[in-house]
Amino acid sequence: MTFPEAATPPALRTQVCELQDEAWPPDSASAPGTFTHDPALRPVSMLLVEGATVLAALDILTKEIVHAGQRYQAAGLSTVVTRGTARGKGHGHRLVTAARAAMAGMDLDLGLFTCDRPLRAFYEGAGWQWLPGAVLIGGTPVNPFPSDRPGFDKVTLGDFFSPLARSHRSAFPHSRIEVYPGEIDRLW
């Protein structure tokens, strides 16, 4: 099921929030179940639902970026999560694969995101390509949040959907890619 994040049916949204809180417990400044993305990134929620139960969820965030002098419509995966009791059954793989296919069908040039290094093979198995040496720069130009910051062990993955992006693919590995999603999402 796919919805604009703000239009996700309340019963499903509540479950998504519970899964996110389980995976990324809120800090003392945040109330449980209140995480949402910056509306400027046009968040779309994709859910894998069985009966009335959300098994896995993710969000797709979208914005224009400029890299190596070229403008691109880019999107990234965010908050990919699978229900703890449903892990190891292929639900996450199915959802991440469906998200990649959905993104390929959107008016996008490319998809880019980071993940923890141990998850690289999982995303590659869903069709994403590892971009060796690529670093996403999140946050804002005034307050950048790079994916190679101390304490992070991230890798960058992507896919090139448009002819424009495919013709410039070589500009992405071993580069610093300014995504700048803002202060709310920091790094998609």
Protein backbone atom coordinates (compact mmCIF):
# COMPACT_ATOMS: atom_id res chain seq x y z
CA MET A 1 0.00 0.00 0.00
CA THR A 2 1.27 3.46 -0.87
CA PHE A 3 0.06 6.76 0.56
CA PRO A 4 1.31 10.30 0.95
CA GLU A 5 2.63 10.14 4.52
CA ALA A 6 -0.01 12.59 5.80
CA ALA A 7 -2.82 10.57 4.16
CA THR A 8 -1.87 7.18 5.63
CA PRO A 9 -4.97 5.75 7.34
CA PRO A 10 -4.71 6.37 11.10
CA ALA A 11 -4.74 2.69 12.15
CA LEU A 12 -1.88 1.92 9.76
CA ARG A 13 0.02 5.11 10.66
CA THR A 14 -0.18 4.18 14.35
CA GLN A 15 1.44 0.81 13.59
CA VAL A 16 4.14 2.43 11.47
CA CYS A 17 4.93 4.82 14.33
CA GLU A 18 5.15 1.89 16.76
CA LEU A 19 7.58 0.08 14.45
CA GLN A 20 9.70 3.23 14.05
CA ASP A 21 9.73 3.82 17.81
CA GLU A 22 10.84 0.23 18.33
CA ALA A 23 13.65 0.54 15.79
CA TRP A 24 14.71 4.08 16.74
CA PRO A 25 13.53 4.82 20.29
CA PRO A 26 12.61 8.49 20.69
CA ASP A 27 14.89 10.64 22.80
CA SER A 28 13.65 12.47 25.87
CA ALA A 29 12.71 15.52 23.76
CA SER A 30 10.40 13.51 21.47
CA ALA A 31 7.10 11.87 22.28
CA PRO A 32 6.60 8.30 21.01
CA GLY A 33 4.71 8.02 17.74
CA THR A 34 5.30 11.60 16.66
CA PHE A 35 8.01 11.17 14.02
CA THR A 36 7.08 12.63 10.64
CA HIS A 37 9.14 13.82 7.71
CA ASP A 38 9.54 17.35 6.42
CA PRO A 39 6.52 17.94 4.12
CA ALA A 40 8.84 19.80 1.70
CA LEU A 41 10.36 16.38 0.86
CA ARG A 42 6.94 15.11 -0.30
CA PRO A 43 7.08 11.94 1.85
CA VAL A 44 5.36 8.88 0.48
CA SER A 45 4.84 5.90 2.79
CA MET A 46 4.98 2.36 1.42
CA LEU A 47 3.59 -0.37 3.65
CA LEU A 48 3.53 -4.13 3.37
CA VAL A 49 0.30 -5.12 5.10
CA GLU A 50 -1.09 -8.57 5.85
CA GLY A 51 -4.69 -8.44 7.01
CA ALA A 52 -4.69 -5.40 9.26
CA THR A 53 -1.04 -5.76 10.35
CA VAL A 54 1.82 -3.67 8.98
CA LEU A 55 4.72 -6.09 8.44
CA ALA A 56 7.18 -3.59 6.95
CA ALA A 57 7.24 0.09 6.11
CA LEU A 58 9.44 2.70 4.49
CA ASP A 59 9.21 6.24 3.27
CA ILE A 60 10.38 7.78 0.01
CA LEU A 61 11.59 11.38 0.24
CA THR A 62 12.06 13.51 -2.88
CA LYS A 63 13.84 16.75 -3.79
CA GLU A 64 15.93 18.35 -6.48
CA ILE A 65 19.69 18.18 -5.98
CA VAL A 66 22.66 19.57 -7.86
CA HIS A 67 25.70 17.35 -8.28
CA ALA A 68 28.79 18.05 -10.39
CA GLY A 69 26.98 20.99 -12.00
CA GLN A 70 23.92 18.97 -13.05
CA ARG A 71 20.36 19.17 -11.63
CA TYR A 72 18.56 15.95 -10.77
CA GLN A 73 15.20 14.98 -9.37
CA ALA A 74 16.32 12.63 -6.61
CA ALA A 75 14.61 10.48 -4.02
CA GLY A 76 15.81 8.37 -1.18
CA LEU A 77 14.60 5.63 1.10
CA SER A 78 14.04 6.55 4.72
CA THR A 79 12.89 4.79 7.89
CA VAL A 80 12.96 1.28 6.41
CA VAL A 81 11.66 -1.02 9.12
CA THR A 82 10.26 -4.55 9.48
CA ARG A 83 8.16 -5.74 12.41
CA GLY A 84 10.44 -7.66 14.78
CA THR A 85 8.26 -10.77 14.75
CA ALA A 86 8.15 -10.74 10.93
CA ARG A 87 11.88 -10.44 10.25
CA GLY A 88 13.73 -13.04 8.22
CA LYS A 89 10.73 -13.84 6.03
CA GLY A 90 11.56 -11.63 3.05
CA HIS A 91 9.08 -8.85 3.84
CA GLY A 92 11.71 -6.11 3.96
CA HIS A 93 13.27 -7.35 0.72
CA ARG A 94 9.89 -7.39 -0.98
CA LEU A 95 9.10 -3.84 0.15
CA VAL A 96 12.52 -2.38 -0.72
CA THR A 97 12.35 -4.03 -4.16
CA ALA A 98 8.85 -2.59 -4.69
CA ALA A 99 10.07 0.85 -3.61
CA ARG A 100 12.87 0.75 -6.17
CA ALA A 101 10.39 -0.23 -8.89
CA ALA A 102 8.00 2.54 -7.81
CA MET A 103 10.80 5.10 -7.86
CA ALA A 104 11.83 3.96 -11.34
CA GLY A 105 8.26 4.71 -12.46
CA MET A 106 8.21 8.19 -10.96
CA ASP A 107 9.50 11.32 -12.67
CA LEU A 108 12.91 10.87 -11.02
CA ASP A 109 16.44 10.87 -12.30
CA LEU A 110 17.94 8.86 -9.48
CA GLY A 111 17.54 7.30 -6.09
CA LEU A 112 20.19 7.77 -3.39
CA PHE A 113 20.34 6.80 0.26
CA THR A 114 22.66 5.51 2.95
CA CYS A 115 22.43 2.43 5.10
CA ASP A 116 24.48 0.82 7.83
CA ARG A 117 27.41 -1.03 6.23
CA PRO A 118 26.16 -4.51 7.28
CA LEU A 119 22.91 -3.90 5.32
CA ARG A 120 24.65 -3.25 2.01
CA ALA A 121 24.10 -6.80 0.69
CA PHE A 122 20.42 -6.64 1.65
CA TYR A 123 19.86 -3.53 -0.47
CA GLU A 124 22.01 -4.82 -3.34
CA GLY A 125 19.86 -7.96 -3.32
CA ALA A 126 16.86 -5.69 -3.90
CA GLY A 127 18.49 -4.16 -7.00
CA TRP A 128 20.23 -1.12 -5.52
CA GLN A 129 23.83 -0.37 -6.52
CA TRP A 130 26.63 0.35 -4.07
CA LEU A 131 28.37 3.64 -4.85
CA PRO A 132 31.86 3.09 -3.43
CA GLY A 133 33.35 6.11 -1.70
CA ALA A 134 30.18 8.19 -2.13
CA VAL A 135 29.17 10.32 0.84
CA LEU A 136 25.76 11.95 1.19
CA ILE A 137 25.79 15.37 2.79
CA GLY A 138 22.57 15.89 4.69
CA GLY A 139 21.37 18.65 6.98
CA THR A 140 21.68 22.11 5.46
CA PRO A 141 24.52 24.05 3.83
CA VAL A 142 24.91 26.00 7.10
CA ASN A 143 24.67 22.88 9.29
CA PRO A 144 25.83 19.91 7.16
CA PHE A 145 25.35 16.32 8.30
CA PRO A 146 27.67 14.05 6.25
CA SER A 147 27.23 10.29 6.13
CA ASP A 148 30.96 9.82 6.84
CA ARG A 149 30.83 11.68 10.16
CA PRO A 150 32.61 10.10 13.13
CA GLY A 151 30.64 7.26 14.69
CA PHE A 152 28.74 6.47 11.48
CA ASP A 153 29.47 3.35 9.47
CA LYS A 154 27.38 4.08 6.40
CA VAL A 155 27.55 3.18 2.73
CA THR A 156 25.73 4.92 -0.10
CA LEU A 157 23.48 3.09 -2.51
CA GLY A 158 21.60 4.32 -5.53
CA ASP A 159 20.06 3.67 -8.88
CA PHE A 160 19.96 5.71 -12.06
CA PHE A 161 16.49 5.90 -13.58
CA SER A 162 16.68 8.54 -16.30
CA PRO A 163 18.93 8.76 -19.36
CA LEU A 164 20.40 11.94 -17.85
CA ALA A 165 21.36 10.16 -14.62
CA ARG A 166 22.66 7.07 -16.42
CA SER A 167 24.88 9.26 -18.63
CA HIS A 168 26.38 10.90 -15.51
CA ARG A 169 26.62 7.77 -13.35
CA SER A 170 30.41 8.03 -13.13
CA ALA A 171 30.10 11.36 -11.27
CA PHE A 172 28.64 9.67 -8.17
CA PRO A 173 31.08 7.05 -6.80
CA HIS A 174 33.94 8.55 -4.76
CA SER A 175 32.18 11.90 -4.45
CA ARG A 176 30.45 14.05 -1.87
CA ILE A 177 26.79 14.44 -2.84
CA GLU A 178 24.97 17.43 -1.36
CA VAL A 179 21.43 16.26 -0.68
CA TYR A 180 20.61 18.76 2.10
CA PRO A 181 17.16 17.46 3.13
CA GLY A 182 17.00 19.97 6.00
CA GLU A 183 16.96 19.96 9.79
CA ILE A 184 14.00 17.59 10.29
CA ASP A 185 15.27 14.60 8.32
CA ARG A 186 18.95 15.51 8.42
CA LEU A 187 19.94 12.50 6.27
CA TRP A 188 17.46 10.45 4.40
